[in-house]
């Protein structure tokens, strides 16, 4: 049916049309998902604001505060034990004293910036290996 040069051209046109249709459908799917996520995030943000306002209005019982402090103390003790065990295995001469532990919330990752930094590091490594007589 598709023989010769004309058959090859027709077949390539058909395959390109199918590829563009699939890509168009994927693009529409991504736009739809973005709108759904924006709608749900606005809804949850409104719910969180309402919850925060309600929490400010009601006083927190002291029992709840003591439970949170106990949990924080347990977390600090577990982290301290893990660090002490690690330092003991590496034969550290300094005594260990953990005063406080703060949670660090991760920032959003910028993948383009990470890729750029990795490329710069790879270039520096290749340049330094050339200077030392490497490849």
N, C-alpha and C. Protein backbone atom coordinates (compact mmCIF):
# COMPACT_ATOMS: atom_id res chain seq x y z
N UNK A 1 0.83 -1.18 0.00
CA UNK A 1 0.00 0.00 0.00
C UNK A 1 0.88 1.25 0.00
N UNK A 2 1.81 1.37 0.99
CA UNK A 2 2.72 2.52 1.02
C UNK A 2 4.07 2.05 0.53
N UNK A 3 4.29 2.18 -0.76
CA UNK A 3 5.54 1.73 -1.34
C UNK A 3 6.24 2.89 -2.01
N UNK A 4 7.52 2.83 -2.01
CA UNK A 4 8.31 3.85 -2.69
C UNK A 4 8.42 5.13 -1.89
N UNK A 5 8.86 6.16 -2.59
CA UNK A 5 9.08 7.46 -1.96
C UNK A 5 7.77 8.10 -1.54
N UNK A 6 6.73 7.98 -2.36
CA UNK A 6 5.44 8.58 -2.02
C UNK A 6 4.85 7.92 -0.77
N UNK A 7 4.98 6.62 -0.65
CA UNK A 7 4.48 5.91 0.51
C UNK A 7 5.21 6.34 1.78
N UNK A 8 6.52 6.53 1.66
CA UNK A 8 7.31 6.97 2.82
C UNK A 8 6.89 8.36 3.27
N UNK A 9 6.64 9.24 2.31
CA UNK A 9 6.22 10.61 2.65
C UNK A 9 4.85 10.59 3.32
N UNK A 10 3.91 9.84 2.77
CA UNK A 10 2.56 9.76 3.35
C UNK A 10 2.64 9.17 4.75
N UNK A 11 3.43 8.13 4.93
CA UNK A 11 3.57 7.49 6.23
C UNK A 11 4.19 8.44 7.26
N UNK A 12 5.19 9.22 6.85
CA UNK A 12 5.80 10.17 7.78
C UNK A 12 4.84 11.29 8.14
N UNK A 13 4.03 11.74 7.19
CA UNK A 13 3.04 12.78 7.49
C UNK A 13 2.00 12.25 8.47
N UNK A 14 1.54 11.03 8.26
CA UNK A 14 0.56 10.44 9.17
C UNK A 14 1.14 10.31 10.57
N UNK A 15 2.38 9.85 10.66
CA UNK A 15 2.99 9.69 11.98
C UNK A 15 3.20 11.03 12.67
N UNK A 16 3.58 12.07 11.92
CA UNK A 16 3.75 13.39 12.54
C UNK A 16 2.43 13.96 13.01
N UNK A 17 1.36 13.75 12.26
CA UNK A 17 0.04 14.23 12.68
C UNK A 17 -0.37 13.54 13.97
N UNK A 18 -0.13 12.25 14.07
CA UNK A 18 -0.48 11.51 15.29
C UNK A 18 0.33 12.03 16.48
N UNK A 19 1.62 12.28 16.27
CA UNK A 19 2.47 12.80 17.35
C UNK A 19 1.96 14.16 17.82
N UNK A 20 1.62 15.07 16.90
CA UNK A 20 1.14 16.39 17.29
C UNK A 20 -0.22 16.32 17.98
N UNK A 21 -1.06 15.39 17.58
CA UNK A 21 -2.35 15.23 18.26
C UNK A 21 -2.13 14.78 19.70
N UNK A 22 -1.24 13.81 19.88
CA UNK A 22 -0.95 13.33 21.24
C UNK A 22 -0.33 14.44 22.08
N UNK A 23 0.59 15.21 21.52
CA UNK A 23 1.20 16.31 22.26
C UNK A 23 0.17 17.38 22.63
N UNK A 24 -0.74 17.66 21.71
CA UNK A 24 -1.81 18.62 22.00
C UNK A 24 -2.70 18.14 23.14
N UNK A 25 -3.04 16.86 23.12
CA UNK A 25 -3.86 16.31 24.20
C UNK A 25 -3.13 16.36 25.54
N UNK A 26 -1.83 16.08 25.54
CA UNK A 26 -1.05 16.18 26.77
C UNK A 26 -0.99 17.62 27.28
N UNK A 27 -0.86 18.59 26.36
CA UNK A 27 -0.84 19.99 26.76
C UNK A 27 -2.17 20.39 27.38
N UNK A 28 -3.27 19.95 26.77
CA UNK A 28 -4.59 20.25 27.34
C UNK A 28 -4.76 19.60 28.71
N UNK A 29 -4.24 18.40 28.87
CA UNK A 29 -4.31 17.72 30.17
C UNK A 29 -3.55 18.50 31.23
N UNK A 30 -2.36 19.00 30.87
CA UNK A 30 -1.57 19.77 31.85
C UNK A 30 -2.26 21.08 32.21
N UNK A 31 -2.86 21.76 31.24
CA UNK A 31 -3.58 23.00 31.54
C UNK A 31 -4.77 22.71 32.45
N UNK A 32 -5.48 21.63 32.17
CA UNK A 32 -6.62 21.26 33.01
C UNK A 32 -6.19 20.93 34.43
N UNK A 33 -5.10 20.18 34.56
CA UNK A 33 -4.60 19.86 35.90
C UNK A 33 -4.15 21.10 36.66
N UNK A 34 -3.55 22.06 35.94
CA UNK A 34 -3.12 23.30 36.59
C UNK A 34 -4.33 24.05 37.14
N UNK A 35 -5.41 24.10 36.35
CA UNK A 35 -6.61 24.81 36.81
C UNK A 35 -7.25 24.10 37.99
N UNK A 36 -7.27 22.77 37.95
CA UNK A 36 -7.84 22.01 39.07
C UNK A 36 -7.01 22.23 40.33
N UNK A 37 -5.68 22.20 40.20
CA UNK A 37 -4.82 22.41 41.36
C UNK A 37 -4.96 23.83 41.90
N UNK A 38 -5.09 24.81 41.02
CA UNK A 38 -5.26 26.19 41.48
C UNK A 38 -6.58 26.33 42.22
N UNK A 39 -7.62 25.68 41.73
CA UNK A 39 -8.92 25.75 42.40
C UNK A 39 -8.86 25.09 43.76
N UNK A 40 -8.25 23.91 43.84
CA UNK A 40 -8.20 23.21 45.13
C UNK A 40 -7.27 23.93 46.10
N UNK A 41 -6.17 24.53 45.62
CA UNK A 41 -5.27 25.23 46.53
C UNK A 41 -5.93 26.49 47.08
N UNK A 42 -6.74 27.18 46.28
CA UNK A 42 -7.46 28.35 46.79
C UNK A 42 -8.46 27.93 47.84
N UNK A 43 -9.09 26.79 47.60
CA UNK A 43 -10.08 26.30 48.54
C UNK A 43 -9.42 25.92 49.86
N UNK A 44 -8.29 25.23 49.81
CA UNK A 44 -7.61 24.85 51.04
C UNK A 44 -7.00 26.06 51.73
N UNK A 45 -6.55 27.05 50.96
CA UNK A 45 -6.00 28.26 51.58
C UNK A 45 -7.09 29.00 52.35
N UNK A 46 -8.30 29.06 51.79
CA UNK A 46 -9.40 29.70 52.49
C UNK A 46 -9.74 28.94 53.76
N UNK A 47 -9.73 27.61 53.68
CA UNK A 47 -10.04 26.80 54.85
C UNK A 47 -8.97 26.99 55.93
N UNK A 48 -7.69 27.10 55.53
CA UNK A 48 -6.62 27.30 56.50
C UNK A 48 -6.76 28.66 57.18
N UNK A 49 -7.15 29.70 56.43
CA UNK A 49 -7.34 31.01 57.02
C UNK A 49 -8.45 30.97 58.06
N UNK A 50 -9.52 30.26 57.75
CA UNK A 50 -10.62 30.15 58.70
C UNK A 50 -10.17 29.41 59.94
N UNK A 51 -9.40 28.35 59.78
CA UNK A 51 -8.90 27.57 60.91
C UNK A 51 -7.97 28.43 61.77
N UNK A 52 -7.11 29.22 61.14
CA UNK A 52 -6.19 30.07 61.89
C UNK A 52 -6.97 31.10 62.69
N UNK A 53 -8.00 31.68 62.12
CA UNK A 53 -8.80 32.66 62.84
C UNK A 53 -9.50 32.01 64.02
N UNK A 54 -9.99 30.79 63.84
CA UNK A 54 -10.66 30.10 64.94
C UNK A 54 -9.67 29.76 66.05
N UNK A 55 -8.44 29.39 65.70
CA UNK A 55 -7.45 29.05 66.71
C UNK A 55 -7.08 30.26 67.55
N UNK A 56 -7.03 31.42 66.94
CA UNK A 56 -6.70 32.63 67.69
C UNK A 56 -7.79 32.97 68.69
N UNK A 57 -9.01 32.65 68.37
CA UNK A 57 -10.12 33.00 69.24
C UNK A 57 -10.21 32.08 70.45
N UNK A 58 -9.83 30.81 70.29
CA UNK A 58 -9.95 29.87 71.40
C UNK A 58 -8.63 29.73 72.12
N UNK A 59 -8.63 29.75 73.44
CA UNK A 59 -7.39 29.58 74.19
C UNK A 59 -6.93 28.12 74.14
N UNK A 60 -5.62 27.92 74.15
CA UNK A 60 -5.04 26.58 74.09
C UNK A 60 -4.83 26.10 75.53
N UNK A 61 -5.33 24.91 75.87
CA UNK A 61 -5.14 24.41 77.23
C UNK A 61 -3.67 24.09 77.50
N UNK A 62 -3.30 24.18 78.77
CA UNK A 62 -1.91 23.94 79.15
C UNK A 62 -1.51 22.49 78.94
N UNK A 63 -2.46 21.57 78.99
CA UNK A 63 -2.15 20.15 78.76
C UNK A 63 -1.63 19.94 77.35
N UNK A 64 -2.23 20.63 76.37
CA UNK A 64 -1.78 20.48 74.99
C UNK A 64 -0.37 21.03 74.83
N UNK A 65 -0.08 22.13 75.50
CA UNK A 65 1.26 22.70 75.41
C UNK A 65 2.29 21.76 76.02
N UNK A 66 1.95 21.14 77.15
CA UNK A 66 2.90 20.22 77.78
C UNK A 66 3.13 18.99 76.91
N UNK A 67 2.10 18.53 76.19
CA UNK A 67 2.26 17.38 75.29
C UNK A 67 3.20 17.74 74.16
N UNK A 68 3.04 18.93 73.58
CA UNK A 68 3.92 19.37 72.49
C UNK A 68 5.35 19.50 72.99
N UNK A 69 5.53 20.09 74.18
CA UNK A 69 6.88 20.23 74.73
C UNK A 69 7.51 18.86 74.98
N UNK A 70 6.71 17.91 75.46
CA UNK A 70 7.23 16.56 75.70
C UNK A 70 7.66 15.92 74.39
N UNK A 71 6.86 16.10 73.33
CA UNK A 71 7.22 15.54 72.03
C UNK A 71 8.50 16.20 71.51
N UNK A 72 8.62 17.51 71.69
CA UNK A 72 9.84 18.19 71.24
C UNK A 72 11.05 17.69 72.02
N UNK A 73 10.89 17.48 73.32
CA UNK A 73 12.00 16.97 74.12
C UNK A 73 12.39 15.57 73.67
N UNK A 74 11.40 14.75 73.31
CA UNK A 74 11.70 13.40 72.82
C UNK A 74 12.45 13.47 71.50
N UNK A 75 12.03 14.35 70.62
CA UNK A 75 12.71 14.49 69.33
C UNK A 75 14.14 14.95 69.53
N UNK A 76 14.34 15.93 70.41
CA UNK A 76 15.69 16.43 70.68
C UNK A 76 16.55 15.32 71.27
N UNK A 77 15.99 14.52 72.17
CA UNK A 77 16.78 13.45 72.78
C UNK A 77 17.15 12.38 71.75
N UNK A 78 16.24 12.06 70.84
CA UNK A 78 16.54 11.05 69.81
C UNK A 78 17.62 11.57 68.87
N UNK A 79 17.51 12.83 68.46
CA UNK A 79 18.52 13.40 67.57
C UNK A 79 19.86 13.48 68.29
N UNK A 80 19.83 13.85 69.56
CA UNK A 80 21.08 13.92 70.33
C UNK A 80 21.74 12.55 70.42
N UNK A 81 20.94 11.52 70.66
CA UNK A 81 21.49 10.17 70.75
C UNK A 81 22.10 9.73 69.43
N UNK A 82 21.43 10.06 68.32
CA UNK A 82 21.96 9.68 67.01
C UNK A 82 23.27 10.39 66.73
N UNK A 83 23.34 11.68 67.03
CA UNK A 83 24.57 12.44 66.79
C UNK A 83 25.69 11.93 67.70
N UNK A 84 25.36 11.66 68.96
CA UNK A 84 26.36 11.15 69.89
C UNK A 84 26.90 9.80 69.42
N UNK A 85 26.02 8.94 68.94
CA UNK A 85 26.44 7.64 68.44
C UNK A 85 27.36 7.80 67.24
N UNK A 86 27.03 8.73 66.35
CA UNK A 86 27.87 8.97 65.18
C UNK A 86 29.22 9.50 65.60
N UNK A 87 29.22 10.49 66.50
CA UNK A 87 30.49 11.07 66.94
C UNK A 87 31.32 10.06 67.73
N UNK A 88 30.67 9.18 68.47
CA UNK A 88 31.40 8.14 69.21
C UNK A 88 32.07 7.17 68.24
N UNK A 89 31.39 6.87 67.13
CA UNK A 89 31.96 5.94 66.17
C UNK A 89 33.11 6.57 65.40
N UNK A 90 33.12 7.90 65.28
CA UNK A 90 34.22 8.57 64.58
C UNK A 90 35.32 9.00 65.54
N UNK A 91 35.19 8.67 66.81
CA UNK A 91 36.20 8.94 67.84
C UNK A 91 36.47 10.43 67.98
N UNK A 92 35.43 11.21 68.25
CA UNK A 92 35.58 12.64 68.46
C UNK A 92 36.04 12.90 69.89
N UNK A 93 36.92 13.90 70.07
CA UNK A 93 37.46 14.19 71.39
C UNK A 93 36.61 15.20 72.15
N UNK A 94 35.74 15.94 71.46
CA UNK A 94 34.94 16.98 72.11
C UNK A 94 33.63 16.41 72.61
N UNK A 95 33.19 16.85 73.82
CA UNK A 95 31.89 16.38 74.32
C UNK A 95 30.74 17.00 73.53
N UNK A 96 29.63 16.29 73.50
CA UNK A 96 28.47 16.71 72.72
C UNK A 96 27.48 17.42 73.62
N UNK A 97 26.99 18.59 73.18
CA UNK A 97 25.99 19.33 73.92
C UNK A 97 25.06 20.02 72.93
N UNK A 98 23.87 19.45 72.72
CA UNK A 98 22.89 20.05 71.81
C UNK A 98 21.98 20.93 72.63
N UNK A 99 21.92 22.20 72.28
CA UNK A 99 21.13 23.17 73.04
C UNK A 99 19.70 23.24 72.50
N UNK A 100 19.56 23.41 71.19
CA UNK A 100 18.23 23.49 70.60
C UNK A 100 18.29 22.97 69.17
N UNK A 101 17.12 22.62 68.67
CA UNK A 101 17.01 22.12 67.31
C UNK A 101 15.90 22.91 66.62
N UNK A 102 16.19 23.43 65.44
CA UNK A 102 15.20 24.19 64.68
C UNK A 102 14.90 23.43 63.40
N UNK A 103 13.63 23.38 63.05
CA UNK A 103 13.26 22.77 61.77
C UNK A 103 13.51 23.78 60.67
N UNK A 104 14.09 23.32 59.60
CA UNK A 104 14.34 24.16 58.44
C UNK A 104 13.36 23.74 57.36
N UNK A 105 12.51 24.67 56.98
CA UNK A 105 11.54 24.38 55.94
C UNK A 105 12.24 24.49 54.59
N UNK A 106 12.13 23.46 53.76
CA UNK A 106 12.83 23.51 52.47
C UNK A 106 12.21 24.57 51.56
N UNK A 107 13.08 25.30 50.87
CA UNK A 107 12.60 26.28 49.92
C UNK A 107 12.26 25.56 48.62
N UNK A 108 11.50 26.23 47.79
CA UNK A 108 11.18 25.61 46.51
C UNK A 108 12.45 25.49 45.68
N UNK A 109 12.57 24.39 44.99
CA UNK A 109 13.77 24.12 44.21
C UNK A 109 13.65 24.74 42.83
N UNK A 110 14.68 25.42 42.41
CA UNK A 110 14.74 25.94 41.06
C UNK A 110 15.69 25.03 40.29
N UNK A 111 15.12 24.16 39.47
CA UNK A 111 15.90 23.13 38.80
C UNK A 111 16.88 23.73 37.79
N UNK A 112 16.54 24.86 37.19
CA UNK A 112 17.45 25.49 36.25
C UNK A 112 18.70 25.99 36.98
N UNK A 113 18.50 26.56 38.17
CA UNK A 113 19.64 27.06 38.94
C UNK A 113 20.53 25.90 39.39
N UNK A 114 19.91 24.80 39.82
CA UNK A 114 20.68 23.63 40.25
C UNK A 114 21.50 23.08 39.08
N UNK A 115 20.87 22.99 37.92
CA UNK A 115 21.57 22.49 36.74
C UNK A 115 22.74 23.40 36.37
N UNK A 116 22.53 24.71 36.44
CA UNK A 116 23.60 25.65 36.14
C UNK A 116 24.77 25.51 37.09
N UNK A 117 24.47 25.35 38.38
CA UNK A 117 25.54 25.17 39.37
C UNK A 117 26.32 23.88 39.12
N UNK A 118 25.59 22.81 38.77
CA UNK A 118 26.27 21.55 38.49
C UNK A 118 27.17 21.66 37.27
N UNK A 119 26.71 22.38 36.25
CA UNK A 119 27.55 22.57 35.06
C UNK A 119 28.79 23.37 35.40
N UNK A 120 28.65 24.43 36.22
CA UNK A 120 29.81 25.24 36.60
C UNK A 120 30.81 24.40 37.40
N UNK A 121 30.30 23.56 38.31
CA UNK A 121 31.20 22.71 39.11
C UNK A 121 31.91 21.70 38.21
N UNK A 122 31.19 21.13 37.25
CA UNK A 122 31.81 20.16 36.34
C UNK A 122 32.89 20.82 35.50
N UNK A 123 32.66 22.07 35.07
CA UNK A 123 33.68 22.79 34.30
C UNK A 123 34.91 23.06 35.16
N UNK A 124 34.70 23.47 36.41
CA UNK A 124 35.84 23.74 37.29
C UNK A 124 36.64 22.48 37.56
N UNK A 125 35.94 21.36 37.73
CA UNK A 125 36.64 20.10 37.97
C UNK A 125 37.46 19.71 36.74
N UNK A 126 36.87 19.86 35.55
CA UNK A 126 37.60 19.48 34.34
C UNK A 126 38.77 20.42 34.10
N UNK A 127 38.63 21.72 34.42
CA UNK A 127 39.72 22.66 34.25
C UNK A 127 40.85 22.36 35.23
N UNK A 128 40.49 22.08 36.49
CA UNK A 128 41.52 21.79 37.49
C UNK A 128 42.23 20.49 37.18
N UNK A 129 41.55 19.50 36.63
CA UNK A 129 42.23 18.25 36.30
C UNK A 129 43.17 18.44 35.12
N UNK A 130 42.84 19.36 34.20
CA UNK A 130 43.75 19.65 33.09
C UNK A 130 45.02 20.35 33.57
N UNK A 131 44.85 21.25 34.55
CA UNK A 131 46.00 21.97 35.08
C UNK A 131 46.95 21.04 35.82
N UNK A 132 46.40 20.00 36.48
CA UNK A 132 47.23 19.08 37.25
C UNK A 132 47.86 18.01 36.37
N UNK A 133 47.60 18.06 35.08
CA UNK A 133 48.20 17.08 34.19
C UNK A 133 47.27 15.93 33.90
N UNK A 134 45.99 16.13 34.12
CA UNK A 134 45.02 15.09 33.83
C UNK A 134 44.68 15.06 32.35
N UNK A 135 43.53 14.57 32.05
CA UNK A 135 43.11 14.43 30.65
C UNK A 135 42.87 15.76 30.02
